[in-house]
C-alpha atoms as a PDB file:
ATOM      1  CA  MET A   1     -58.039 -35.676   4.509  1.00  0.00           C
ATOM      2  CA  VAL A   2     -54.727 -33.832   5.197  1.00  0.00           C
ATOM      3  CA  LEU A   3     -52.058 -35.287   7.518  1.00  0.00           C
ATOM      4  CA  LEU A   4     -49.675 -32.643   9.003  1.00  0.00           C
ATOM      5  CA  HIS A   5     -46.566 -34.123  10.686  1.00  0.00           C
ATOM      6  CA  GLY A   6     -44.644 -32.813  13.566  1.00  0.00           C
ATOM      7  CA  PHE A   7     -41.347 -30.672  13.960  1.00  0.00           C
ATOM      8  CA  THR A   8     -38.456 -32.269  12.399  1.00  0.00           C
ATOM      9  CA  ASP A   9     -40.494 -35.209  11.222  1.00  0.00           C
ATOM     10  CA  THR A  10     -41.679 -35.809   7.540  1.00  0.00           C
ATOM     11  CA  TRP A  11     -44.852 -37.194   5.872  1.00  0.00           C
ATOM     12  CA  ARG A  12     -43.376 -40.679   6.255  1.00  0.00           C
ATOM     13  CA  THR A  13     -44.424 -40.611  10.016  1.00  0.00           C
ATOM     14  CA  TRP A  14     -48.007 -41.416   8.649  1.00  0.00           C
ATOM     15  CA  ILE A  15     -47.087 -44.771   6.917  1.00  0.00           C
ATOM     16  CA  PRO A  16     -48.501 -47.074   9.552  1.00  0.00           C
ATOM     17  CA  VAL A  17     -51.871 -45.409   9.292  1.00  0.00           C
ATOM     18  CA  LEU A  18     -52.238 -44.467   5.551  1.00  0.00           C
ATOM     19  CA  PRO A  19     -53.596 -47.635   4.018  1.00  0.00           C
ATOM     20  CA  ALA A  20     -56.623 -47.638   6.485  1.00  0.00           C
ATOM     21  CA  LEU A  21     -57.252 -43.931   6.191  1.00  0.00           C
ATOM     22  CA  GLU A  22     -56.862 -44.095   2.315  1.00  0.00           C
ATOM     23  CA  GLU A  23     -59.867 -46.660   2.445  1.00  0.00           C
ATOM     24  CA  ARG A  24     -62.176 -43.931   3.691  1.00  0.00           C
ATOM     25  CA  HIS A  25     -60.609 -40.758   2.374  1.00  0.00           C
ATOM     26  CA  ARG A  26     -58.593 -39.249  -0.399  1.00  0.00           C
ATOM     27  CA  VAL A  27     -55.482 -38.413   1.722  1.00  0.00           C
ATOM     28  CA  PHE A  28     -52.848 -35.587   1.141  1.00  0.00           C
ATOM     29  CA  ALA A  29     -49.711 -36.173   3.354  1.00  0.00           C
ATOM     30  CA  PRO A  30     -47.262 -33.428   2.655  1.00  0.00           C
ATOM     31  CA  SER A  31     -43.883 -32.653   4.089  1.00  0.00           C
ATOM     32  CA  LEU A  32     -44.241 -29.347   5.866  1.00  0.00           C
ATOM     33  CA  PRO A  33     -42.518 -26.122   4.778  1.00  0.00           C
ATOM     34  CA  GLY A  34     -38.933 -25.851   6.050  1.00  0.00           C
ATOM     35  CA  HIS A  35     -38.710 -29.693   6.618  1.00  0.00           C
ATOM     36  CA  TYR A  36     -37.053 -32.416   4.567  1.00  0.00           C
ATOM     37  CA  GLY A  37     -38.975 -32.867   1.314  1.00  0.00           C
ATOM     38  CA  GLY A  38     -41.136 -29.736   1.932  1.00  0.00           C
ATOM     39  CA  PRO A  39     -41.033 -26.250   0.455  1.00  0.00           C
ATOM     40  CA  ALA A  40     -38.476 -23.804   1.513  1.00  0.00           C
ATOM     41  CA  ILE A  41     -39.534 -20.777   3.813  1.00  0.00           C
ATOM     42  CA  PRO A  42     -38.524 -17.555   2.186  1.00  0.00           C
ATOM     43  CA  ALA A  43     -36.097 -15.418   4.337  1.00  0.00           C
ATOM     44  CA  GLY A  44     -37.201 -12.094   5.581  1.00  0.00           C
ATOM     45  CA  GLY A  45     -40.834 -13.031   5.808  1.00  0.00           C
ATOM     46  CA  PRO A  46     -43.329 -13.465   8.482  1.00  0.00           C
ATOM     47  CA  GLY A  47     -42.710 -15.641  11.483  1.00  0.00           C
ATOM     48  CA  MET A  48     -42.136 -19.413  11.078  1.00  0.00           C
ATOM     49  CA  ILE A  49     -45.505 -20.529  12.135  1.00  0.00           C
ATOM     50  CA  LYS A  50     -47.509 -17.791   9.862  1.00  0.00           C
ATOM     51  CA  ALA A  51     -45.181 -18.423   6.826  1.00  0.00           C
ATOM     52  CA  SER A  52     -45.747 -22.240   7.245  1.00  0.00           C
ATOM     53  CA  LEU A  53     -49.372 -21.798   7.412  1.00  0.00           C
ATOM     54  CA  ASP A  54     -49.385 -19.497   4.139  1.00  0.00           C
ATOM     55  CA  LEU A  55     -47.467 -22.124   2.364  1.00  0.00           C
ATOM     56  CA  ILE A  56     -49.609 -25.134   3.585  1.00  0.00           C
ATOM     57  CA  GLU A  57     -52.506 -23.330   2.279  1.00  0.00           C
ATOM     58  CA  ARG A  58     -50.743 -22.880  -1.036  1.00  0.00           C
ATOM     59  CA  GLN A  59     -50.083 -26.626  -1.247  1.00  0.00           C
ATOM     60  CA  LEU A  60     -53.709 -27.243  -0.323  1.00  0.00           C
ATOM     61  CA  ASP A  61     -54.786 -24.804  -3.136  1.00  0.00           C
ATOM     62  CA  GLU A  62     -52.556 -26.583  -5.480  1.00  0.00           C
ATOM     63  CA  GLN A  63     -54.185 -29.813  -4.630  1.00  0.00           C
ATOM     64  CA  GLY A  64     -57.579 -28.454  -5.168  1.00  0.00           C
ATOM     65  CA  ILE A  65     -58.459 -28.681  -1.564  1.00  0.00           C
ATOM     66  CA  ASP A  66     -60.826 -26.008  -0.094  1.00  0.00           C
ATOM     67  CA  LYS A  67     -61.718 -27.712   3.201  1.00  0.00           C
ATOM     68  CA  ALA A  68     -60.655 -31.203   4.598  1.00  0.00           C
ATOM     69  CA  HIS A  69     -60.546 -33.060   7.509  1.00  0.00           C
ATOM     70  CA  LEU A  70     -57.156 -31.963   9.268  1.00  0.00           C
ATOM     71  CA  VAL A  71     -55.168 -34.423  11.378  1.00  0.00           C
ATOM     72  CA  GLY A  72     -52.108 -33.181  12.950  1.00  0.00           C
ATOM     73  CA  ASN A  73     -49.418 -34.693  15.180  1.00  0.00           C
ATOM     74  CA  SER A  74     -47.387 -32.497  17.527  1.00  0.00           C
ATOM     75  CA  LEU A  75     -46.502 -29.224  15.588  1.00  0.00           C
ATOM     76  CA  GLY A  76     -48.930 -30.384  12.851  1.00  0.00           C
ATOM     77  CA  GLY A  77     -51.568 -30.586  15.317  1.00  0.00           C
ATOM     78  CA  TRP A  78     -51.101 -26.918  16.086  1.00  0.00           C
ATOM     79  CA  ALA A  79     -50.854 -26.226  12.420  1.00  0.00           C
ATOM     80  CA  ALA A  80     -54.351 -27.990  11.945  1.00  0.00           C
ATOM     81  CA  LEU A  81     -55.847 -25.824  14.580  1.00  0.00           C
ATOM     82  CA  GLU A  82     -54.635 -22.681  12.855  1.00  0.00           C
ATOM     83  CA  LEU A  83     -55.715 -23.717   9.534  1.00  0.00           C
ATOM     84  CA  ALA A  84     -59.202 -24.405  11.164  1.00  0.00           C
ATOM     85  CA  VAL A  85     -59.168 -20.699  12.372  1.00  0.00           C
ATOM     86  CA  ARG A  86     -58.546 -19.875   8.568  1.00  0.00           C
ATOM     87  CA  GLY A  87     -61.642 -21.777   7.480  1.00  0.00           C
ATOM     88  CA  ARG A  88     -59.796 -24.721   5.998  1.00  0.00           C
ATOM     89  CA  ALA A  89     -61.012 -27.585   8.281  1.00  0.00           C
ATOM     90  CA  LEU A  90     -64.075 -29.860   8.201  1.00  0.00           C
ATOM     91  CA  SER A  91     -62.783 -31.237  11.254  1.00  0.00           C
ATOM     92  CA  VAL A  92     -59.627 -31.235  13.378  1.00  0.00           C
ATOM     93  CA  ILE A  93     -57.984 -34.281  14.928  1.00  0.00           C
ATOM     94  CA  GLY A  94     -54.915 -33.442  16.923  1.00  0.00           C
ATOM     95  CA  LEU A  95     -52.552 -35.956  17.957  1.00  0.00           C
ATOM     96  CA  CYS A  96     -50.447 -34.920  21.081  1.00  0.00           C
ATOM     97  CA  PRO A  97     -50.782 -31.277  19.614  1.00  0.00           C
ATOM     98  CA  ALA A  98     -48.067 -28.789  20.371  1.00  0.00           C
ATOM     99  CA  GLY A  99     -48.854 -25.264  21.692  1.00  0.00           C
ATOM    100  CA  GLY A 100     -50.933 -26.233  24.535  1.00  0.00           C
ATOM    101  CA  TRP A 101     -48.583 -25.241  27.130  1.00  0.00           C
ATOM    102  CA  GLU A 102     -48.312 -21.755  29.029  1.00  0.00           C
ATOM    103  CA  ILE A 103     -45.895 -19.692  26.649  1.00  0.00           C
ATOM    104  CA  GLY A 104     -42.633 -18.810  28.657  1.00  0.00           C
ATOM    105  CA  GLY A 105     -43.377 -21.388  31.433  1.00  0.00           C
ATOM    106  CA  LYS A 106     -41.769 -24.275  32.477  1.00  0.00           C
ATOM    107  CA  GLU A 107     -43.172 -26.701  29.927  1.00  0.00           C
ATOM    108  CA  ASP A 108     -42.181 -24.234  27.132  1.00  0.00           C
ATOM    109  CA  ARG A 109     -38.433 -24.351  28.331  1.00  0.00           C
ATOM    110  CA  THR A 110     -38.453 -27.957  28.811  1.00  0.00           C
ATOM    111  CA  ILE A 111     -39.689 -28.560  25.155  1.00  0.00           C
ATOM    112  CA  VAL A 112     -36.962 -26.318  23.876  1.00  0.00           C
ATOM    113  CA  ARG A 113     -34.285 -27.999  25.973  1.00  0.00           C
ATOM    114  CA  TYR A 114     -35.468 -31.408  24.701  1.00  0.00           C
ATOM    115  CA  PHE A 115     -35.025 -30.468  20.960  1.00  0.00           C
ATOM    116  CA  LYS A 116     -31.802 -28.773  21.327  1.00  0.00           C
ATOM    117  CA  SER A 117     -30.505 -31.975  23.103  1.00  0.00           C
ATOM    118  CA  VAL A 118     -31.708 -34.259  20.380  1.00  0.00           C
ATOM    119  CA  ASP A 119     -30.255 -32.011  17.776  1.00  0.00           C
ATOM    120  CA  ARG A 120     -26.741 -32.028  19.448  1.00  0.00           C
ATOM    121  CA  ARG A 121     -26.929 -35.830  19.703  1.00  0.00           C
ATOM    122  CA  LEU A 122     -28.069 -36.167  16.264  1.00  0.00           C
ATOM    123  CA  ARG A 123     -25.301 -34.088  14.890  1.00  0.00           C
ATOM    124  CA  THR A 124     -22.518 -35.972  16.883  1.00  0.00           C
ATOM    125  CA  SER A 125     -23.778 -39.194  15.955  1.00  0.00           C
ATOM    126  CA  LEU A 126     -24.407 -38.827  12.166  1.00  0.00           C
ATOM    127  CA  PRO A 127     -21.618 -41.549  11.334  1.00  0.00           C
ATOM    128  CA  LEU A 128     -23.312 -43.942  13.632  1.00  0.00           C
ATOM    129  CA  LEU A 129     -27.020 -43.532  12.635  1.00  0.00           C
ATOM    130  CA  PRO A 130     -27.158 -46.496   9.903  1.00  0.00           C
ATOM    131  CA  ARG A 131     -25.937 -48.652  12.690  1.00  0.00           C
ATOM    132  CA  ILE A 132     -28.464 -47.372  15.255  1.00  0.00           C
ATOM    133  CA  ALA A 133     -31.170 -47.789  12.645  1.00  0.00           C
ATOM    134  CA  ARG A 134     -30.067 -51.475  11.868  1.00  0.00           C
ATOM    135  CA  VAL A 135     -29.922 -52.800  15.473  1.00  0.00           C
ATOM    136  CA  PRO A 136     -33.286 -53.374  17.241  1.00  0.00           C
ATOM    137  CA  ALA A 137     -31.921 -52.399  20.818  1.00  0.00           C
ATOM    138  CA  LEU A 138     -30.467 -49.266  19.548  1.00  0.00           C
ATOM    139  CA  ARG A 139     -33.613 -48.269  17.627  1.00  0.00           C
ATOM    140  CA  ARG A 140     -35.611 -48.911  21.061  1.00  0.00           C
ATOM    141  CA  VAL A 141     -33.244 -46.397  22.841  1.00  0.00           C
ATOM    142  CA  ALA A 142     -33.249 -44.029  20.020  1.00  0.00           C
ATOM    143  CA  PHE A 143     -37.175 -43.671  19.869  1.00  0.00           C
ATOM    144  CA  ARG A 144     -38.063 -44.455  23.493  1.00  0.00           C
ATOM    145  CA  ASP A 145     -38.924 -40.591  24.203  1.00  0.00           C
ATOM    146  CA  LEU A 146     -41.315 -40.474  21.140  1.00  0.00           C
ATOM    147  CA  MET A 147     -43.243 -43.814  21.236  1.00  0.00           C
ATOM    148  CA  ALA A 148     -44.313 -46.156  23.880  1.00  0.00           C
ATOM    149  CA  ARG A 149     -43.485 -48.998  21.818  1.00  0.00           C
ATOM    150  CA  PRO A 150     -40.308 -48.048  19.897  1.00  0.00           C
ATOM    151  CA  GLY A 151     -39.715 -51.699  19.007  1.00  0.00           C
ATOM    152  CA  ASN A 152     -42.237 -51.000  16.258  1.00  0.00           C
ATOM    153  CA  VAL A 153     -39.966 -48.703  14.254  1.00  0.00           C
ATOM    154  CA  THR A 154     -38.344 -50.695  11.573  1.00  0.00           C
ATOM    155  CA  ALA A 155     -34.753 -50.107  10.298  1.00  0.00           C
ATOM    156  CA  GLU A 156     -36.079 -48.064   7.311  1.00  0.00           C
ATOM    157  CA  ALA A 157     -38.422 -46.063   9.249  1.00  0.00           C
ATOM    158  CA  ALA A 158     -35.606 -45.088  11.764  1.00  0.00           C
ATOM    159  CA  MET A 159     -33.493 -43.720   8.816  1.00  0.00           C
ATOM    160  CA  ALA A 160     -36.380 -41.900   7.561  1.00  0.00           C
ATOM    161  CA  PHE A 161     -36.842 -40.331  10.977  1.00  0.00           C
ATOM    162  CA  PHE A 162     -33.007 -39.615  11.302  1.00  0.00           C
ATOM    163  CA  THR A 163     -32.836 -38.167   7.745  1.00  0.00           C
ATOM    164  CA  GLY A 164     -35.906 -35.788   8.215  1.00  0.00           C
ATOM    165  CA  ALA A 165     -34.502 -34.382  11.406  1.00  0.00           C
ATOM    166  CA  ALA A 166     -30.832 -33.939  10.099  1.00  0.00           C
ATOM    167  CA  ASN A 167     -32.405 -32.012   7.171  1.00  0.00           C
ATOM    168  CA  CYS A 168     -35.115 -29.750   8.900  1.00  0.00           C
ATOM    169  CA  THR A 169     -33.851 -26.235   7.599  1.00  0.00           C
ATOM    170  CA  ILE A 170     -35.707 -24.152  10.064  1.00  0.00           C
ATOM    171  CA  PHE A 171     -34.665 -25.836  12.932  1.00  0.00           C
ATOM    172  CA  ALA A 172     -32.539 -22.934  14.394  1.00  0.00           C
ATOM    173  CA  ASP A 173     -35.029 -20.224  13.546  1.00  0.00           C
ATOM    174  CA  ALA A 174     -37.747 -22.485  15.105  1.00  0.00           C
ATOM    175  CA  ILE A 175     -35.794 -22.776  18.341  1.00  0.00           C
ATOM    176  CA  ALA A 176     -34.966 -19.170  18.349  1.00  0.00           C
ATOM    177  CA  GLN A 177     -38.604 -18.094  18.157  1.00  0.00           C
ATOM    178  CA  ALA A 178     -39.580 -20.656  20.714  1.00  0.00           C
ATOM    179  CA  GLU A 179     -37.028 -19.218  22.960  1.00  0.00           C
ATOM    180  CA  ALA A 180     -38.455 -15.700  22.445  1.00  0.00           C
ATOM    181  CA  GLY A 181     -42.062 -16.891  23.315  1.00  0.00           C
ATOM    182  CA  GLU A 182     -43.242 -16.208  19.657  1.00  0.00           C
ATOM    183  CA  SER A 183     -44.231 -19.736  18.410  1.00  0.00           C
ATOM    184  CA  PHE A 184     -48.005 -19.990  19.256  1.00  0.00           C
ATOM    185  CA  ASP A 185     -50.378 -17.219  19.320  1.00  0.00           C
ATOM    186  CA  ASP A 186     -53.884 -17.417  20.703  1.00  0.00           C
ATOM    187  CA  LEU A 187     -56.489 -19.136  18.635  1.00  0.00           C
ATOM    188  CA  GLY A 188     -59.516 -17.470  17.047  1.00  0.00           C
ATOM    189  CA  PRO A 189     -62.885 -18.928  16.667  1.00  0.00           C
ATOM    190  CA  ILE A 190     -63.197 -22.651  15.029  1.00  0.00           C
ATOM    191  CA  ASP A 191     -66.444 -23.646  13.556  1.00  0.00           C
ATOM    192  CA  CYS A 192     -65.894 -27.415  13.166  1.00  0.00           C
ATOM    193  CA  PRO A 193     -65.526 -30.387  15.412  1.00  0.00           C
ATOM    194  CA  VAL A 194     -62.091 -30.559  17.161  1.00  0.00           C
ATOM    195  CA  ARG A 195     -60.958 -33.769  19.014  1.00  0.00           C
ATOM    196  CA  ILE A 196     -57.579 -33.630  20.791  1.00  0.00           C
ATOM    197  CA  LEU A 197     -55.876 -37.115  21.468  1.00  0.00           C
ATOM    198  CA  TYR A 198     -53.251 -37.121  24.011  1.00  0.00           C
ATOM    199  CA  GLY A 199     -50.918 -40.263  24.781  1.00  0.00           C
ATOM    200  CA  THR A 200     -51.091 -41.276  28.372  1.00  0.00           C
ATOM    201  CA  ARG A 201     -47.382 -42.228  27.890  1.00  0.00           C
ATOM    202  CA  ASP A 202     -46.343 -39.248  25.917  1.00  0.00           C
ATOM    203  CA  ARG A 203     -42.877 -38.353  27.510  1.00  0.00           C
ATOM    204  CA  LEU A 204     -42.815 -34.850  25.490  1.00  0.00           C
ATOM    205  CA  ILE A 205     -46.179 -33.419  25.664  1.00  0.00           C
ATOM    206  CA  ARG A 206     -47.594 -34.719  28.976  1.00  0.00           C
ATOM    207  CA  TRP A 207     -51.066 -34.687  30.088  1.00  0.00           C
ATOM    208  CA  PRO A 208     -52.357 -32.399  31.758  1.00  0.00           C
ATOM    209  CA  ASN A 209     -49.740 -29.774  32.434  1.00  0.00           C
ATOM    210  CA  TYR A 210     -48.881 -29.392  28.708  1.00  0.00           C
ATOM    211  CA  TYR A 211     -52.686 -28.805  27.906  1.00  0.00           C
ATOM    212  CA  VAL A 212     -53.569 -26.150  30.374  1.00  0.00           C
ATOM    213  CA  ARG A 213     -53.568 -23.352  27.826  1.00  0.00           C
ATOM    214  CA  MET A 214     -55.006 -25.327  25.110  1.00  0.00           C
ATOM    215  CA  ARG A 215     -58.072 -26.337  27.145  1.00  0.00           C
ATOM    216  CA  THR A 216     -58.846 -22.704  27.759  1.00  0.00           C
ATOM    217  CA  LEU A 217     -58.364 -21.994  24.070  1.00  0.00           C
ATOM    218  CA  LEU A 218     -60.524 -24.746  23.098  1.00  0.00           C
ATOM    219  CA  PRO A 219     -63.422 -24.989  25.552  1.00  0.00           C
ATOM    220  CA  ALA A 220     -65.760 -26.868  23.110  1.00  0.00           C
ATOM    221  CA  ALA A 221     -62.978 -29.399  22.033  1.00  0.00           C
ATOM    222  CA  GLU A 222     -63.359 -33.086  22.943  1.00  0.00           C
ATOM    223  CA  PHE A 223     -60.010 -34.207  24.780  1.00  0.00           C
ATOM    224  CA  MET A 224     -59.639 -38.095  24.719  1.00  0.00           C
ATOM    225  CA  PRO A 225     -56.868 -40.202  26.177  1.00  0.00           C
ATOM    226  CA  LEU A 226     -55.005 -42.795  24.068  1.00  0.00           C
ATOM    227  CA  HIS A 227     -54.157 -45.206  26.698  1.00  0.00           C
ATOM    228  CA  GLY A 228     -50.586 -46.640  26.718  1.00  0.00           C
ATOM    229  CA  LEU A 229     -49.522 -44.757  23.694  1.00  0.00           C
ATOM    230  CA  GLY A 230     -46.752 -42.215  23.080  1.00  0.00           C
ATOM    231  CA  HIS A 231     -46.083 -38.824  21.561  1.00  0.00           C
ATOM    232  CA  ILE A 232     -46.239 -40.300  17.888  1.00  0.00           C
ATOM    233  CA  PRO A 233     -48.945 -42.765  18.533  1.00  0.00           C
ATOM    234  CA  MET A 234     -49.436 -43.865  14.775  1.00  0.00           C
ATOM    235  CA  TRP A 235     -46.269 -46.116  15.399  1.00  0.00           C
ATOM    236  CA  ASP A 236     -47.507 -47.505  18.850  1.00  0.00           C
ATOM    237  CA  ASP A 237     -51.079 -48.699  17.911  1.00  0.00           C
ATOM    238  CA  PRO A 238     -52.149 -47.765  14.109  1.00  0.00           C
ATOM    239  CA  ALA A 239     -55.576 -49.299  14.486  1.00  0.00           C
ATOM    240  CA  THR A 240     -56.583 -47.327  17.606  1.00  0.00           C
ATOM    241  CA  VAL A 241     -55.308 -44.190  16.248  1.00  0.00           C
ATOM    242  CA  VAL A 242     -57.260 -44.793  12.969  1.00  0.00           C
ATOM    243  CA  ARG A 243     -60.472 -45.721  14.748  1.00  0.00           C
ATOM    244  CA  ARG A 244     -60.227 -42.418  16.757  1.00  0.00           C
ATOM    245  CA  ILE A 245     -59.672 -40.363  13.527  1.00  0.00           C
ATOM    246  CA  LEU A 246     -62.468 -41.956  11.484  1.00  0.00           C
ATOM    247  CA  GLU A 247     -64.838 -41.710  14.517  1.00  0.00           C
ATOM    248  CA  VAL A 248     -64.705 -37.805  13.626  1.00  0.00           C
ATOM    249  CA  SER A 249     -64.163 -37.881  10.063  1.00  0.00           C
ATOM    250  CA  ASP A 250     -66.463 -40.924   8.925  1.00  0.00           C
ATOM    251  CA  PRO A 251     -68.621 -41.627  12.026  1.00  0.00           C
ATOM    252  CA  HIS A 252     -71.529 -43.297  10.502  1.00  0.00           C
ATOM    253  CA  ARG A 253     -69.133 -46.048   9.313  1.00  0.00           C
ATOM    254  CA  VAL A 254     -67.024 -46.675  12.459  1.00  0.00           C
ATOM    255  CA  GLU A 255     -67.932 -48.656  15.331  1.00  0.00           C
ATOM    256  CA  VAL A 256     -67.112 -46.455  18.563  1.00  0.00           C
ATOM    257  CA  ALA A 257     -65.300 -48.119  21.061  1.00  0.00           C
END
C-alpha cells in the first residue's frame, strides 16, 4: 500500500493510521517530490504534476513496487488517480482528493486564495510557531480549516505540519501553475476499483461543488461520505478512515459498516 499526502504536507500526516494499515499491508509512505523530505523537482522539466508523477514512479520502482493499493489525501488523491491511469494501482482510495472542481471556476480560485493566505500567515508567524504548537487553544485555531477535530493534533504533530508547509519548495511554482489553469488534466481510463471519500465537514474541498468535474471524470467510482470529518480525516477519526480504506484493499477481512 502506498500513501500519498497533500500539498505542503509530509508523510507524517499518515501517523494516526499507519499502525492499523501496517497490520494488513506492507506500507510505503513517502514525502512527495518538492515537499519537505521528498526529492527535488528538477528545474526546466515538465509541469509540476507530471514531474511529480514521474518522480513518484521512480520512488515506487526503487521500492520494488509495480502495483499497489494507492491511498491519497488532497493533492495525493489526485496523484493516486493519475498513477492509476499509468497502470500502477490495484485500487485507489482518495481522501478528500484535489482536482475535482471545474478548472478556472470559482472553486479553483478559492483554493488558490486559501493557500496563498495560509502561506502569508505562516511566513509572518514563523517566530510564534513553537508557541502555537504548544498551546492547545492556538493549535485548534491553526488547524480548524483542515480538521473537524483539530484538538486531536498534538504539539509534535503541529510542528511537523508547520515545518512541512514552511519547507515546501514547489509552493510558488504550484500556485502559479494553478492560477494558469494548468494543474489538473483530464484523466485517462482507470481499470481498478476507485473509492472517493469526502468529509462532510471539509472546509477546503466541499461536497458537492468541488467534485462536479471528478464525478464526470470517474463515472464508475464510488463516492462515499465521511460523516463529521474534515479535510485531513486521518486526524479526526483514524479508525473510520482505516476501515473505509481496508474495505477496498482487504475486503474479505473487514466487517463493512
